[in-house]
Each structure stands twice: as C-alpha cells, then as structure tokens.
Amino acid sequence: MVDPSPGGVRPIGGNLSNVNFLTVAEVAAVMRVSKMSVYRLIHAGELEAVRFGRSFRVTEKAVDAYLKGSYYETG
C-alpha cells in the first residue's frame, strides 16, 4: 500500500495534549549517547521523530519504545 502523504508523513492522531516532546539533546542525555547518534537513529527510521522546520522532536513514548526494543539477554 502506498502512503498518500507527502514525504511519508503519518499523522499521530488522537489527543496530543498529553504528549511530551524531547529535543535531540535531551534524548541524547537520557540515552547517554551523542546527539549525532540520535540523529542517526532518527534518519535510519529506528527512532520515531517529528520534524519542526530544521529541528526534530522525539516523544517520550518513542524513546521508551526504542529502549525497550533494544534490550537483549546475554549468555
């Protein structure tokens, strides 16, 4: 199925009043990585983000989902 939205943009939908957006710098601080690592995750499609002009914002829910999906058990 082809996405009818320009640039592959998908509407979030629902009530956005309870959504907390984080800057790339805030996400990097939470994850203890560089801002460039966060940008790489966003551009690779591994971390959902919203673009505002030239800036990106990431929901706390997206950060939680990424971190939960990144856990793996060793040995």
N, C-alpha and C. Protein backbone atom coordinates (compact mmCIF):
# COMPACT_ATOMS: atom_id res chain seq x y z
N MET A 1 0.84 -1.18 0.00
CA MET A 1 0.00 0.00 0.00
C MET A 1 0.89 1.24 0.00
N VAL A 2 0.57 2.20 -0.82
CA VAL A 2 1.35 3.42 -0.94
C VAL A 2 0.82 4.46 0.04
N ASP A 3 1.75 5.10 0.75
CA ASP A 3 1.38 6.15 1.70
C ASP A 3 0.96 7.40 0.91
N PRO A 4 -0.28 7.86 1.07
CA PRO A 4 -0.74 9.02 0.30
C PRO A 4 -0.16 10.34 0.77
N SER A 5 0.47 10.37 1.93
CA SER A 5 1.01 11.61 2.47
C SER A 5 2.33 11.96 1.81
N PRO A 6 2.59 13.25 1.61
CA PRO A 6 3.87 13.65 1.02
C PRO A 6 5.03 13.36 1.97
N GLY A 7 6.11 12.83 1.46
CA GLY A 7 7.29 12.58 2.26
C GLY A 7 7.14 11.46 3.26
N GLY A 8 6.11 10.61 3.10
CA GLY A 8 5.92 9.51 4.02
C GLY A 8 5.47 9.93 5.41
N VAL A 9 4.87 11.10 5.52
CA VAL A 9 4.44 11.62 6.81
C VAL A 9 3.17 10.92 7.24
N ARG A 10 3.16 10.43 8.50
CA ARG A 10 1.98 9.79 9.05
C ARG A 10 1.45 10.64 10.19
N PRO A 11 0.17 10.94 10.21
CA PRO A 11 -0.38 11.69 11.33
C PRO A 11 -0.36 10.86 12.60
N ILE A 12 -0.06 11.50 13.74
CA ILE A 12 -0.03 10.81 15.02
C ILE A 12 -1.44 10.46 15.44
N GLY A 13 -2.36 11.39 15.28
CA GLY A 13 -3.75 11.15 15.64
C GLY A 13 -3.97 11.22 17.14
N GLY A 14 -5.22 11.28 17.51
CA GLY A 14 -5.54 11.31 18.93
C GLY A 14 -5.28 12.66 19.56
N ASN A 15 -5.34 12.69 20.87
CA ASN A 15 -5.15 13.91 21.64
C ASN A 15 -3.66 14.11 21.92
N LEU A 16 -3.10 15.22 21.48
CA LEU A 16 -1.68 15.47 21.66
C LEU A 16 -1.37 16.30 22.90
N SER A 17 -2.39 16.61 23.71
CA SER A 17 -2.14 17.45 24.88
C SER A 17 -1.31 16.75 25.94
N ASN A 18 -1.31 15.41 25.94
CA ASN A 18 -0.55 14.67 26.93
C ASN A 18 0.79 14.16 26.41
N VAL A 19 1.16 14.56 25.20
CA VAL A 19 2.41 14.11 24.60
C VAL A 19 3.54 15.03 25.02
N ASN A 20 4.62 14.44 25.54
CA ASN A 20 5.80 15.22 25.92
C ASN A 20 6.88 15.03 24.86
N PHE A 21 7.30 16.13 24.25
CA PHE A 21 8.33 16.09 23.23
C PHE A 21 9.68 16.43 23.83
N LEU A 22 10.71 15.72 23.39
CA LEU A 22 12.08 15.96 23.83
C LEU A 22 12.91 16.43 22.65
N THR A 23 13.89 17.28 22.91
CA THR A 23 14.83 17.68 21.87
C THR A 23 15.82 16.55 21.64
N VAL A 24 16.58 16.65 20.57
CA VAL A 24 17.61 15.65 20.29
C VAL A 24 18.64 15.65 21.42
N ALA A 25 18.99 16.82 21.93
CA ALA A 25 19.96 16.91 23.02
C ALA A 25 19.43 16.23 24.29
N GLU A 26 18.14 16.39 24.57
CA GLU A 26 17.54 15.75 25.74
C GLU A 26 17.52 14.23 25.59
N VAL A 27 17.19 13.76 24.39
CA VAL A 27 17.19 12.31 24.13
C VAL A 27 18.61 11.77 24.29
N ALA A 28 19.59 12.49 23.77
CA ALA A 28 20.99 12.07 23.88
C ALA A 28 21.41 11.98 25.35
N ALA A 29 20.97 12.93 26.16
CA ALA A 29 21.31 12.91 27.58
C ALA A 29 20.66 11.73 28.29
N VAL A 30 19.39 11.45 27.97
CA VAL A 30 18.70 10.32 28.58
C VAL A 30 19.37 9.00 28.21
N MET A 31 19.75 8.88 26.95
CA MET A 31 20.34 7.63 26.46
C MET A 31 21.85 7.57 26.69
N ARG A 32 22.44 8.68 27.11
CA ARG A 32 23.87 8.79 27.35
C ARG A 32 24.68 8.46 26.10
N VAL A 33 24.25 9.07 24.98
CA VAL A 33 24.95 8.95 23.70
C VAL A 33 25.11 10.36 23.13
N SER A 34 25.79 10.46 22.01
CA SER A 34 25.97 11.78 21.38
C SER A 34 24.71 12.17 20.62
N LYS A 35 24.58 13.46 20.34
CA LYS A 35 23.46 13.94 19.53
C LYS A 35 23.51 13.32 18.14
N MET A 36 24.71 13.12 17.60
CA MET A 36 24.84 12.53 16.28
C MET A 36 24.28 11.11 16.26
N SER A 37 24.46 10.37 17.35
CA SER A 37 23.90 9.01 17.42
C SER A 37 22.38 9.05 17.36
N VAL A 38 21.78 10.04 18.02
CA VAL A 38 20.33 10.19 17.99
C VAL A 38 19.88 10.54 16.58
N TYR A 39 20.59 11.47 15.92
CA TYR A 39 20.24 11.82 14.54
C TYR A 39 20.33 10.59 13.63
N ARG A 40 21.33 9.76 13.83
CA ARG A 40 21.47 8.55 13.02
C ARG A 40 20.28 7.61 13.23
N LEU A 41 19.86 7.45 14.48
CA LEU A 41 18.70 6.61 14.76
C LEU A 41 17.44 7.15 14.09
N ILE A 42 17.28 8.46 14.12
CA ILE A 42 16.11 9.10 13.50
C ILE A 42 16.13 8.88 11.99
N HIS A 43 17.27 9.18 11.37
CA HIS A 43 17.36 9.07 9.91
C HIS A 43 17.28 7.63 9.43
N ALA A 44 17.69 6.68 10.27
CA ALA A 44 17.60 5.26 9.91
C ALA A 44 16.19 4.72 10.11
N GLY A 45 15.32 5.52 10.74
CA GLY A 45 13.95 5.08 10.99
C GLY A 45 13.81 4.21 12.22
N GLU A 46 14.85 4.13 13.04
CA GLU A 46 14.80 3.30 14.24
C GLU A 46 14.17 4.04 15.42
N LEU A 47 14.16 5.36 15.37
CA LEU A 47 13.59 6.17 16.43
C LEU A 47 12.61 7.16 15.78
N GLU A 48 11.34 7.06 16.17
CA GLU A 48 10.33 7.94 15.59
C GLU A 48 10.54 9.37 16.07
N ALA A 49 10.40 10.31 15.16
CA ALA A 49 10.58 11.71 15.49
C ALA A 49 9.65 12.57 14.65
N VAL A 50 9.43 13.78 15.12
CA VAL A 50 8.62 14.76 14.40
C VAL A 50 9.56 15.88 14.00
N ARG A 51 9.41 16.34 12.77
CA ARG A 51 10.28 17.41 12.30
C ARG A 51 9.54 18.74 12.36
N PHE A 52 10.17 19.71 12.99
CA PHE A 52 9.67 21.08 13.06
C PHE A 52 10.70 21.96 12.38
N GLY A 53 10.44 22.32 11.13
CA GLY A 53 11.43 23.09 10.38
C GLY A 53 12.69 22.26 10.20
N ARG A 54 13.79 22.74 10.77
CA ARG A 54 15.05 22.00 10.67
C ARG A 54 15.35 21.21 11.93
N SER A 55 14.45 21.26 12.91
CA SER A 55 14.66 20.57 14.18
C SER A 55 13.81 19.31 14.27
N PHE A 56 14.25 18.39 15.09
CA PHE A 56 13.49 17.19 15.36
C PHE A 56 13.06 17.19 16.82
N ARG A 57 11.90 16.61 17.08
CA ARG A 57 11.43 16.38 18.44
C ARG A 57 11.01 14.91 18.51
N VAL A 58 11.30 14.31 19.64
CA VAL A 58 11.02 12.90 19.85
C VAL A 58 10.11 12.77 21.06
N THR A 59 9.06 11.97 20.94
CA THR A 59 8.17 11.79 22.07
C THR A 59 8.84 10.87 23.10
N GLU A 60 8.47 11.07 24.36
CA GLU A 60 8.97 10.19 25.42
C GLU A 60 8.56 8.75 25.14
N LYS A 61 7.37 8.58 24.60
CA LYS A 61 6.87 7.24 24.27
C LYS A 61 7.77 6.56 23.23
N ALA A 62 8.25 7.32 22.24
CA ALA A 62 9.13 6.76 21.21
C ALA A 62 10.47 6.35 21.81
N VAL A 63 10.99 7.15 22.74
CA VAL A 63 12.25 6.82 23.39
C VAL A 63 12.08 5.55 24.22
N ASP A 64 10.99 5.47 24.98
CA ASP A 64 10.72 4.28 25.79
C ASP A 64 10.60 3.04 24.91
N ALA A 65 9.87 3.16 23.80
CA ALA A 65 9.68 2.02 22.90
C ALA A 65 11.01 1.57 22.30
N TYR A 66 11.85 2.53 21.92
CA TYR A 66 13.15 2.18 21.35
C TYR A 66 14.01 1.46 22.37
N LEU A 67 14.06 1.98 23.59
CA LEU A 67 14.89 1.38 24.62
C LEU A 67 14.39 -0.01 25.02
N LYS A 68 13.08 -0.17 25.13
CA LYS A 68 12.52 -1.48 25.47
C LYS A 68 12.82 -2.50 24.37
N GLY A 69 12.78 -2.07 23.12
CA GLY A 69 13.07 -2.95 22.00
C GLY A 69 14.54 -3.24 21.82
N SER A 70 15.40 -2.51 22.50
CA SER A 70 16.84 -2.67 22.35
C SER A 70 17.46 -3.61 23.37
N TYR A 71 16.71 -3.97 24.38
CA TYR A 71 17.23 -4.87 25.42
C TYR A 71 17.40 -6.27 24.87
N TYR A 72 18.47 -6.91 25.27
CA TYR A 72 18.64 -8.33 24.94
C TYR A 72 19.39 -8.99 26.09
N GLU A 73 19.14 -10.27 26.25
CA GLU A 73 19.76 -11.02 27.32
C GLU A 73 21.06 -11.64 26.84
N THR A 74 22.03 -11.66 27.73
CA THR A 74 23.31 -12.25 27.38
C THR A 74 23.44 -13.62 28.03
N GLY A 75 24.34 -14.40 27.49
CA GLY A 75 24.77 -15.68 27.91
C GLY A 75 24.03 -16.54 28.73
